[in-house]
Protein backbone atom coordinates (compact mmCIF):
# COMPACT_ATOMS: atom_id res chain seq x y z
CA MET A 1 0.00 0.00 0.00
CA ASN A 2 1.75 3.11 -1.22
CA SER A 3 0.02 6.44 -1.60
CA SER A 4 0.79 10.10 -1.25
CA ALA A 5 -2.17 10.22 1.12
CA GLU A 6 -0.67 7.73 3.57
CA ILE A 7 -1.24 8.50 7.24
CA GLN A 8 1.36 7.37 9.72
CA ALA A 9 0.43 4.96 12.49
CA ILE A 10 2.20 3.10 15.28
CA LEU A 11 1.62 0.03 17.38
CA ALA A 12 3.02 0.51 20.88
CA LEU A 13 3.32 -2.40 23.29
CA ALA A 14 3.33 -2.10 27.06
CA ASP A 15 6.95 -3.30 27.15
CA GLY A 16 7.98 -0.18 25.19
CA THR A 17 8.30 -1.81 21.76
CA ILE A 18 7.22 0.44 18.87
CA PHE A 19 6.18 -0.72 15.38
CA ARG A 20 5.77 2.00 12.74
CA GLY A 21 3.43 1.67 9.79
CA VAL A 22 0.53 3.34 8.01
CA SER A 23 -3.14 3.66 8.86
CA ILE A 24 -5.67 1.73 6.75
CA GLY A 25 -8.69 2.31 8.96
CA SER A 26 -10.25 4.95 11.15
CA LEU A 27 -8.21 7.76 12.74
CA GLY A 28 -7.56 7.84 16.47
CA HIS A 29 -6.27 5.25 18.90
CA ARG A 30 -7.43 1.98 20.42
CA ILE A 31 -6.02 -0.08 23.27
CA GLY A 32 -6.40 -3.77 24.00
CA GLU A 33 -4.68 -7.12 24.24
CA VAL A 34 -2.52 -7.83 21.17
CA VAL A 35 -2.94 -11.41 19.88
CA PHE A 36 -2.01 -13.20 16.66
CA ASN A 37 -4.28 -15.25 14.42
CA THR A 38 -2.76 -17.80 12.03
CA ALA A 39 -5.78 -18.28 9.72
CA MET A 40 -5.05 -17.72 6.03
CA THR A 41 -8.61 -16.66 5.18
CA GLY A 42 -11.64 -15.16 6.86
CA TYR A 43 -10.45 -11.72 7.95
CA GLN A 44 -14.00 -10.33 7.88
CA GLU A 45 -15.33 -13.16 10.04
CA ILE A 46 -12.43 -12.61 12.45
CA LEU A 47 -13.08 -8.87 12.71
CA THR A 48 -16.79 -9.40 13.42
CA ASP A 49 -16.39 -12.23 15.94
CA PRO A 50 -17.56 -10.81 19.32
CA SER A 51 -14.93 -12.94 21.07
CA TYR A 52 -12.32 -10.43 19.84
CA ALA A 53 -13.74 -7.55 21.89
CA ARG A 54 -10.93 -5.56 23.59
CA GLN A 55 -8.31 -7.25 21.41
CA LEU A 56 -5.98 -5.95 18.71
CA VAL A 57 -5.70 -8.77 16.17
CA THR A 58 -2.49 -9.47 14.28
CA LEU A 59 -2.98 -11.58 11.15
CA THR A 60 0.10 -13.67 10.39
CA TYR A 61 -0.87 -14.21 6.75
CA PRO A 62 0.86 -11.30 4.97
CA HIS A 63 -1.58 -10.22 2.22
CA ILE A 64 -4.94 -9.10 3.54
CA GLY A 65 -7.91 -7.51 1.77
CA ASN A 66 -7.67 -9.07 -1.69
CA THR A 67 -11.28 -10.35 -1.63
CA GLY A 68 -12.75 -7.17 -0.13
CA THR A 69 -15.78 -7.40 2.15
CA ASN A 70 -19.46 -8.19 1.71
CA SER A 71 -22.76 -8.26 3.57
CA GLU A 72 -22.81 -12.01 4.25
CA ASP A 73 -19.48 -12.78 5.92
CA THR A 74 -20.23 -11.18 9.27
CA GLU A 75 -20.34 -13.22 12.45
CA SER A 76 -21.53 -10.58 14.92
CA GLY A 77 -25.04 -10.76 16.27
CA ASN A 78 -25.94 -7.22 15.27
CA GLY A 79 -25.21 -7.64 11.60
CA HIS A 80 -22.23 -5.59 10.53
CA LYS A 81 -20.46 -4.52 13.73
CA VAL A 82 -16.71 -5.02 13.96
CA TRP A 83 -15.90 -6.26 17.47
CA ALA A 84 -12.11 -6.42 17.26
CA ASP A 85 -10.74 -3.17 18.68
CA GLY A 86 -7.98 -3.01 16.10
CA LEU A 87 -6.38 -4.80 13.14
CA ILE A 88 -2.64 -5.29 12.53
CA ILE A 89 -1.38 -6.59 9.16
CA ARG A 90 1.68 -6.69 6.92
CA ASP A 91 0.34 -5.79 3.45
CA ALA A 92 -3.02 -4.25 2.60
CA THR A 93 -3.77 -5.16 -1.01
CA MET A 94 -4.62 -2.27 -3.31
CA ALA A 95 -6.94 -4.28 -5.58
CA THR A 96 -9.90 -6.47 -4.63
CA SER A 97 -11.06 -9.28 -6.90
CA ASN A 98 -14.09 -11.31 -5.91
CA PHE A 99 -17.61 -11.42 -7.31
CA ARG A 100 -19.03 -11.07 -3.78
CA ASN A 101 -17.00 -7.95 -2.97
CA SER A 102 -19.05 -4.86 -2.16
CA GLU A 103 -16.54 -2.71 -0.26
CA SER A 104 -12.76 -2.58 0.17
CA LEU A 105 -11.30 -3.61 3.50
CA SER A 106 -10.03 -0.09 4.17
CA ASP A 107 -13.44 1.47 3.48
CA TYR A 108 -15.08 -1.22 5.62
CA LEU A 109 -12.73 -0.48 8.53
CA GLN A 110 -13.31 3.25 8.25
CA ARG A 111 -17.09 2.87 8.07
CA ASN A 112 -16.99 0.68 11.17
CA GLU A 113 -14.67 3.12 12.98
CA THR A 114 -11.97 0.49 13.38
CA VAL A 115 -8.36 1.57 13.84
CA ALA A 116 -5.90 -0.51 11.79
CA ILE A 117 -2.22 -0.47 10.92
CA ALA A 118 -0.36 -1.99 7.96
CA GLU A 119 3.23 -2.22 6.71
CA ILE A 120 4.75 -3.54 9.92
CA ASP A 121 6.79 -6.72 10.35
CA THR A 122 4.10 -9.07 11.64
CA ARG A 123 6.62 -11.93 11.78
CA GLN A 124 8.69 -10.02 14.33
CA LEU A 125 5.57 -9.08 16.28
CA THR A 126 4.30 -12.67 16.29
CA ARG A 127 7.64 -13.97 17.55
CA LEU A 128 7.57 -11.38 20.32
CA LEU A 129 4.04 -12.39 21.35
CA ARG A 130 4.93 -16.09 21.15
CA ASP A 131 7.96 -15.63 23.39
CA LYS A 132 6.64 -13.05 25.86
CA GLY A 133 2.92 -13.87 25.70
CA ALA A 134 -0.02 -11.68 24.71
CA GLN A 135 0.82 -8.01 25.28
CA ASN A 136 -1.29 -4.99 26.05
CA GLY A 137 -0.94 -2.52 23.20
CA CYS A 138 -2.13 0.67 21.57
CA ILE A 139 -2.63 1.44 17.88
CA MET A 140 -2.36 5.20 17.30
CA THR A 141 -2.72 7.11 14.05
CA ALA A 142 -1.46 10.56 13.18
CA SER A 143 -3.98 13.26 12.37
CA ASN A 144 -4.35 14.07 8.67
CA GLY A 145 -1.22 15.77 7.37
CA GLU A 146 0.74 15.21 10.57
CA THR A 147 3.42 12.79 11.67
CA ILE A 148 3.80 10.65 14.77
CA SER A 149 6.03 12.47 17.26
CA SER A 150 8.16 11.07 20.07
CA ASP A 151 5.57 12.46 22.49
CA ASP A 152 2.87 10.49 20.63
CA GLU A 153 4.94 7.32 20.95
CA GLN A 154 5.37 7.84 24.68
CA LYS A 155 1.66 8.51 25.07
CA ALA A 156 0.83 5.32 23.18
CA ILE A 157 3.13 3.30 25.44
CA GLU A 158 1.49 4.77 28.54
CA LEU A 159 -1.97 4.00 27.15
CA ALA A 160 -0.89 0.40 26.54
CA LYS A 161 0.48 0.13 30.07
CA GLY A 162 -2.78 1.54 31.43
CA PHE A 163 -4.97 -1.15 29.85
CA ALA A 164 -6.31 -3.35 32.64
CA GLY A 165 -6.02 -6.57 30.65
CA LEU A 166 -8.66 -9.23 30.05
CA LYS A 167 -8.13 -11.17 33.28
CA GLY A 168 -11.06 -10.34 35.57
CA MET A 169 -12.95 -8.54 32.78
CA ASP A 170 -16.59 -9.50 32.15
CA LEU A 171 -17.36 -8.67 28.52
CA ALA A 172 -20.12 -11.18 27.82
CA LYS A 173 -22.87 -8.88 29.08
CA GLU A 174 -21.53 -6.10 26.83
CA CYS A 175 -21.44 -8.18 23.65
CA CYS A 176 -24.77 -9.98 23.85
CA THR A 177 -28.23 -9.18 22.57
CA THR A 178 -30.33 -6.94 24.82
CA GLU A 179 -33.58 -8.79 24.20
CA ASN A 180 -34.85 -12.26 23.31
CA PHE A 181 -35.24 -13.13 19.63
CA GLU A 182 -35.99 -16.14 17.47
CA TRP A 183 -33.53 -17.60 14.95
CA THR A 184 -34.86 -19.87 12.20
CA ALA A 185 -32.36 -19.75 9.30
CA GLY A 186 -29.95 -22.54 8.47
CA THR A 187 -26.62 -22.30 6.69
CA TRP A 188 -26.51 -20.64 3.29
CA ASP A 189 -24.73 -21.34 0.04
CA LEU A 190 -23.75 -19.23 -2.94
CA SER A 191 -27.18 -19.57 -4.55
CA ASP A 192 -28.69 -17.95 -1.43
CA THR A 193 -26.13 -15.18 -1.73
CA LEU A 194 -26.86 -14.42 -5.37
CA LEU A 195 -30.62 -14.41 -4.84
CA ASN A 196 -30.70 -12.41 -1.61
CA ARG A 197 -27.77 -9.97 -1.58
CA ASP A 198 -29.98 -6.87 -1.59
CA ILE A 199 -32.53 -8.05 0.96
CA PRO A 200 -32.05 -6.23 4.30
CA GLY A 201 -31.68 -8.12 7.55
CA SER A 202 -34.92 -9.45 8.90
CA HIS A 203 -34.54 -9.11 12.64
CA ASP A 204 -33.41 -6.34 14.95
CA SER A 205 -31.34 -8.06 17.62
CA GLY A 206 -31.71 -5.16 20.03
CA THR A 207 -28.04 -4.20 19.77
CA GLY A 208 -28.41 -1.52 17.14
CA GLY A 209 -28.35 -3.59 13.94
CA PHE A 210 -29.72 -6.57 12.07
CA PHE A 211 -29.11 -10.29 12.27
CA LYS A 212 -29.02 -11.43 8.63
CA GLN A 213 -31.40 -14.38 8.29
CA LEU A 214 -30.06 -15.50 4.94
CA GLY A 215 -30.24 -19.26 4.60
CA THR A 216 -32.44 -22.31 4.24
CA HIS A 217 -35.41 -22.61 6.57
CA ILE A 218 -35.75 -26.09 8.10
CA ASP A 219 -38.61 -27.73 10.00
CA SER A 220 -37.95 -27.65 13.73
CA LYS A 221 -37.88 -30.71 15.97
CA TYR A 222 -36.14 -29.26 19.03
CA ASN A 223 -36.79 -26.17 21.12
CA VAL A 224 -33.37 -24.75 22.00
CA VAL A 225 -32.65 -21.74 24.19
CA ALA A 226 -29.26 -20.21 23.43
CA TYR A 227 -27.50 -18.04 25.98
CA ASP A 228 -25.80 -15.26 24.04
CA PHE A 229 -22.43 -14.32 25.55
CA GLY A 230 -21.22 -12.95 22.20
CA SER A 231 -22.45 -15.66 19.83
CA LYS A 232 -21.27 -16.09 16.26
CA THR A 233 -24.02 -16.25 13.64
CA ASN A 234 -22.88 -19.53 12.09
CA ILE A 235 -23.40 -21.34 15.40
CA LEU A 236 -27.09 -20.48 15.23
CA ARG A 237 -27.31 -21.55 11.60
CA MET A 238 -25.74 -24.94 12.35
CA LEU A 239 -28.16 -25.51 15.22
CA VAL A 240 -31.04 -24.84 12.83
CA ASP A 241 -29.53 -27.29 10.33
CA ARG A 242 -30.03 -29.99 13.01
CA GLY A 243 -33.73 -29.20 13.39
CA CYS A 244 -33.50 -26.66 16.21
CA HIS A 245 -35.80 -23.73 16.68
CA VAL A 246 -33.51 -21.33 18.50
CA THR A 247 -34.52 -18.64 20.99
CA VAL A 248 -31.54 -16.41 21.77
CA VAL A 249 -31.52 -14.75 25.19
CA PRO A 250 -29.21 -12.17 26.82
CA ALA A 251 -26.27 -13.32 28.92
CA GLN A 252 -27.84 -12.30 32.24
CA THR A 253 -31.23 -13.96 31.66
CA PRO A 254 -32.34 -15.73 34.87
CA ILE A 255 -32.27 -19.50 34.52
CA ALA A 256 -35.88 -19.63 35.74
CA ASP A 257 -36.93 -17.67 32.65
CA VAL A 258 -35.02 -20.07 30.39
CA LEU A 259 -36.54 -23.16 31.98
CA ALA A 260 -40.00 -21.59 31.71
CA MET A 261 -39.58 -21.85 27.91
CA ASN A 262 -39.52 -25.67 28.30
CA PRO A 263 -36.36 -26.14 26.23
CA ASP A 264 -35.38 -29.50 24.78
CA GLY A 265 -31.81 -28.23 25.00
CA ILE A 266 -29.78 -25.29 26.26
CA PHE A 267 -26.86 -23.88 24.31
CA LEU A 268 -24.06 -21.76 25.84
CA SER A 269 -22.29 -19.58 23.29
CA ASN A 270 -18.79 -18.30 22.78
CA GLY A 271 -17.85 -14.83 24.00
CA PRO A 272 -15.01 -12.53 25.07
CA GLY A 273 -13.33 -11.82 28.39
CA ASP A 274 -12.60 -13.80 31.52
CA PRO A 275 -15.12 -16.61 32.16
CA ALA A 276 -14.44 -16.51 35.91
CA ALA A 277 -15.82 -12.95 35.99
CA CYS A 278 -19.23 -14.07 34.67
CA ASP A 279 -20.66 -15.06 38.05
CA TYR A 280 -24.29 -14.76 36.87
CA ALA A 281 -23.60 -17.22 34.02
CA ILE A 282 -21.72 -19.65 36.28
CA ASP A 283 -24.67 -19.66 38.69
CA ALA A 284 -27.11 -20.32 35.83
CA VAL A 285 -25.04 -23.22 34.47
CA ARG A 286 -24.58 -24.65 37.97
CA HIS A 287 -28.39 -24.70 38.32
CA ILE A 288 -28.69 -26.53 34.98
CA ILE A 289 -26.15 -29.12 36.06
CA GLU A 290 -27.37 -29.68 39.62
CA GLN A 291 -31.13 -29.31 39.30
CA THR A 292 -32.14 -30.29 35.76
CA ASP A 293 -31.55 -32.99 33.16
CA VAL A 294 -31.80 -30.66 30.15
CA PRO A 295 -29.24 -31.55 27.45
CA THR A 296 -26.69 -28.71 27.38
CA PHE A 297 -23.93 -27.89 24.90
CA GLY A 298 -21.27 -25.18 25.35
CA ILE A 299 -18.73 -23.72 22.93
CA CYS A 300 -15.63 -21.66 23.85
CA LEU A 301 -16.73 -19.37 26.73
CA GLY A 302 -19.70 -21.69 27.19
CA HIS A 303 -17.25 -24.59 27.58
CA GLN A 304 -15.30 -22.69 30.22
CA LEU A 305 -18.51 -21.80 32.09
CA ILE A 306 -19.48 -25.48 32.26
CA GLY A 307 -16.05 -26.24 33.67
CA LEU A 308 -16.32 -23.52 36.30
CA ALA A 309 -19.89 -24.47 37.24
CA SER A 310 -18.77 -28.09 37.66
CA GLY A 311 -16.06 -27.12 40.13
CA ALA A 312 -12.97 -26.79 37.89
CA ASN A 313 -10.77 -23.71 37.49
CA THR A 314 -9.82 -21.70 34.41
CA ILE A 315 -6.43 -20.22 33.60
CA LYS A 316 -5.20 -17.29 31.50
CA MET A 317 -3.08 -18.65 28.65
CA LYS A 318 0.28 -17.24 27.58
CA THR A 319 -0.71 -16.50 23.98
CA GLY A 320 -4.11 -18.12 23.64
CA HIS A 321 -5.28 -20.06 20.60
CA HIS A 322 -6.31 -18.01 17.57
CA GLY A 323 -6.39 -19.55 14.12
CA ALA A 324 -7.90 -22.18 11.84
CA ASN A 325 -5.19 -24.85 11.81
CA HIS A 326 -5.11 -26.18 15.38
CA PRO A 327 -4.90 -29.98 15.82
CA VAL A 328 -7.16 -31.39 18.52
CA GLN A 329 -7.41 -35.05 19.51
CA ASP A 330 -10.60 -36.88 20.44
CA LEU A 331 -9.40 -38.83 23.50
CA ALA A 332 -11.98 -41.60 23.09
CA THR A 333 -11.20 -42.48 19.45
CA GLY A 334 -7.71 -41.05 18.94
CA THR A 335 -9.00 -39.11 15.93
CA VAL A 336 -7.16 -35.85 15.23
CA MET A 337 -9.23 -32.93 13.97
CA ILE A 338 -8.02 -29.63 12.52
CA THR A 339 -9.99 -26.93 14.24
CA SER A 340 -10.78 -23.23 14.37
CA GLN A 341 -9.81 -21.61 17.68
CA ASN A 342 -10.25 -18.26 19.39
CA HIS A 343 -9.70 -18.11 23.14
CA GLY A 344 -7.28 -16.71 25.70
CA PHE A 345 -8.49 -18.72 28.71
CA ALA A 346 -8.66 -22.48 29.20
CA VAL A 347 -10.17 -25.01 31.59
CA ASP A 348 -7.47 -26.35 33.91
CA GLU A 349 -7.74 -30.08 33.28
CA ASP A 350 -5.93 -30.91 36.51
CA THR A 351 -8.80 -29.39 38.51
CA LEU A 352 -11.65 -31.33 36.87
CA PRO A 353 -13.82 -33.07 39.51
CA ASP A 354 -14.56 -36.79 39.31
CA LYS A 355 -17.94 -36.26 37.66
CA VAL A 356 -16.33 -34.51 34.66
CA LYS A 357 -14.12 -36.25 32.11
CA SER A 358 -11.85 -34.70 29.52
CA THR A 359 -12.89 -35.55 25.95
CA HIS A 360 -10.54 -33.51 23.75
CA ARG A 361 -7.02 -32.14 24.06
CA SER A 362 -4.91 -29.69 22.05
CA LEU A 363 -1.92 -31.25 20.31
CA PHE A 364 -0.21 -27.85 20.24
CA ASP A 365 0.17 -27.40 23.99
CA GLY A 366 -1.82 -30.15 25.71
CA THR A 367 -4.53 -27.83 27.06
CA ASN A 368 -8.06 -29.08 27.53
CA GLN A 369 -10.38 -28.82 24.53
CA GLY A 370 -13.51 -30.60 25.66
CA ILE A 371 -15.33 -32.00 28.69
CA GLU A 372 -18.39 -34.10 29.41
CA LEU A 373 -20.29 -34.75 32.62
CA THR A 374 -20.60 -38.42 33.49
CA ASN A 375 -23.91 -38.03 35.33
CA LYS A 376 -25.72 -35.44 33.20
CA PRO A 377 -26.33 -34.82 29.45
CA VAL A 378 -23.90 -31.90 29.44
CA PHE A 379 -20.82 -31.49 27.23
CA SER A 380 -18.70 -28.75 25.72
CA PHE A 381 -15.89 -27.95 23.30
CA GLN A 382 -13.23 -25.24 23.55
CA GLY A 383 -12.70 -24.67 19.82
CA HIS A 384 -15.21 -23.51 17.23
CA PRO A 385 -16.96 -26.42 15.47
CA GLU A 386 -18.99 -23.90 13.44
CA ALA A 387 -15.72 -22.60 11.88
CA SER A 388 -16.31 -19.36 9.91
CA PRO A 389 -13.49 -19.24 9.16
CA GLY A 390 -11.89 -22.65 9.31
CA PRO A 391 -12.38 -26.38 8.76
CA HIS A 392 -15.54 -28.31 9.64
CA ASP A 393 -13.92 -31.38 11.23
CA CYS A 394 -15.79 -30.77 14.51
CA ALA A 395 -19.24 -30.14 13.02
CA PRO A 396 -20.48 -33.57 14.26
CA LEU A 397 -20.54 -32.09 17.77
CA PHE A 398 -23.78 -30.37 16.73
CA ASP A 399 -25.11 -33.79 15.70
CA LYS A 400 -24.23 -35.09 19.17
CA PHE A 401 -26.27 -32.29 20.75
CA ALA A 402 -29.27 -33.17 18.56
CA GLU A 403 -28.91 -36.86 19.43
CA MET A 404 -28.88 -36.02 23.14
CA MET A 405 -32.06 -34.00 22.78
CA GLU A 406 -33.73 -36.79 20.80
CA ALA A 407 -32.79 -39.35 23.49
CA SER A 408 -34.14 -37.06 26.20
CA LYS A 409 -37.45 -36.55 24.38
CA THR A 410 -37.79 -40.29 23.80
CA ALA A 411 -37.15 -41.02 27.47
CA GLN A 412 -39.84 -38.54 28.50
CA ALA A 413 -42.42 -39.87 26.02
């Protein structure tokens, strides 16, 4: 990206490291935890994943933006909101070439008021994060026609040092819907896209935008209530593909209200922040585990909440897992799956109580990737079986949830 209109930008880390580049997004500054994502595709899905709230995302793949952006590849519950607080890349491509493209990445970032920096050595940054762990950082841009001064650099470092960090931070209640809503659309394909590109979203999620209900509508067999802690859209679509009618509820919804809906199953979504700080959610999940037999499935933050509610602990990871190429082993079968991951906390497997067994484990670092209760129809997975972006090796976990609900309904008949 070379232009006479380039605006200088810097990334400052709390340890005093400065990376100098150019702005490709909105002007201003943003602070957050700097993490790296190793996925080669899916930058729009990554930017709109609510689990990236309060994070500055470094993409290790060097060329970003060549397919532009579109109205379908958003994963946030309010349609088109970018949740990542900042984007860090090596090369921003000047040309976009894709029949689905409707807006360049730079224009998309500016419209969504997202600060972003390009033309820095992301390999050096990734090595630093790998060795030292995730760092607090600040992306700062120069005002139009101005340059970054030494005073600006010092200010950016101080802002990075002043960021509280994600440990102890409850973000789920900030990233969820504010009201209940129904979700009835399954996954979509390119024919859906071509036929429906200009149709506006069909449901106001209560968070200031629209959930895009593009996709096949499928007859419902199961009544599922989904706790929204920052859910990705494709999770809801894949539940519908398995015959679920999904009612999405805010993170702080009392469990009594959820049970009053007579659910065949309860789903606990992904989300950002520290799971241990979500005391209201832990209490709700503990009630599900101890006082009901409702089949329950958790993903990412939902997985960690099941662990905490069962009596285990969670830990803050050194760098976290962010990418679409992470090998995970099914401990029962020995099968290795390539998975999509996005989390900075993990269930401490050594603290699992007797009633909870480990089902999956990361082959990168040995951290826990799945658990299952031995006395209740409750299970969870740390990675993202819905992908978007990433492989679909773990999609059968949604089938398992449907099978559990079918068995429960049969037993009650």
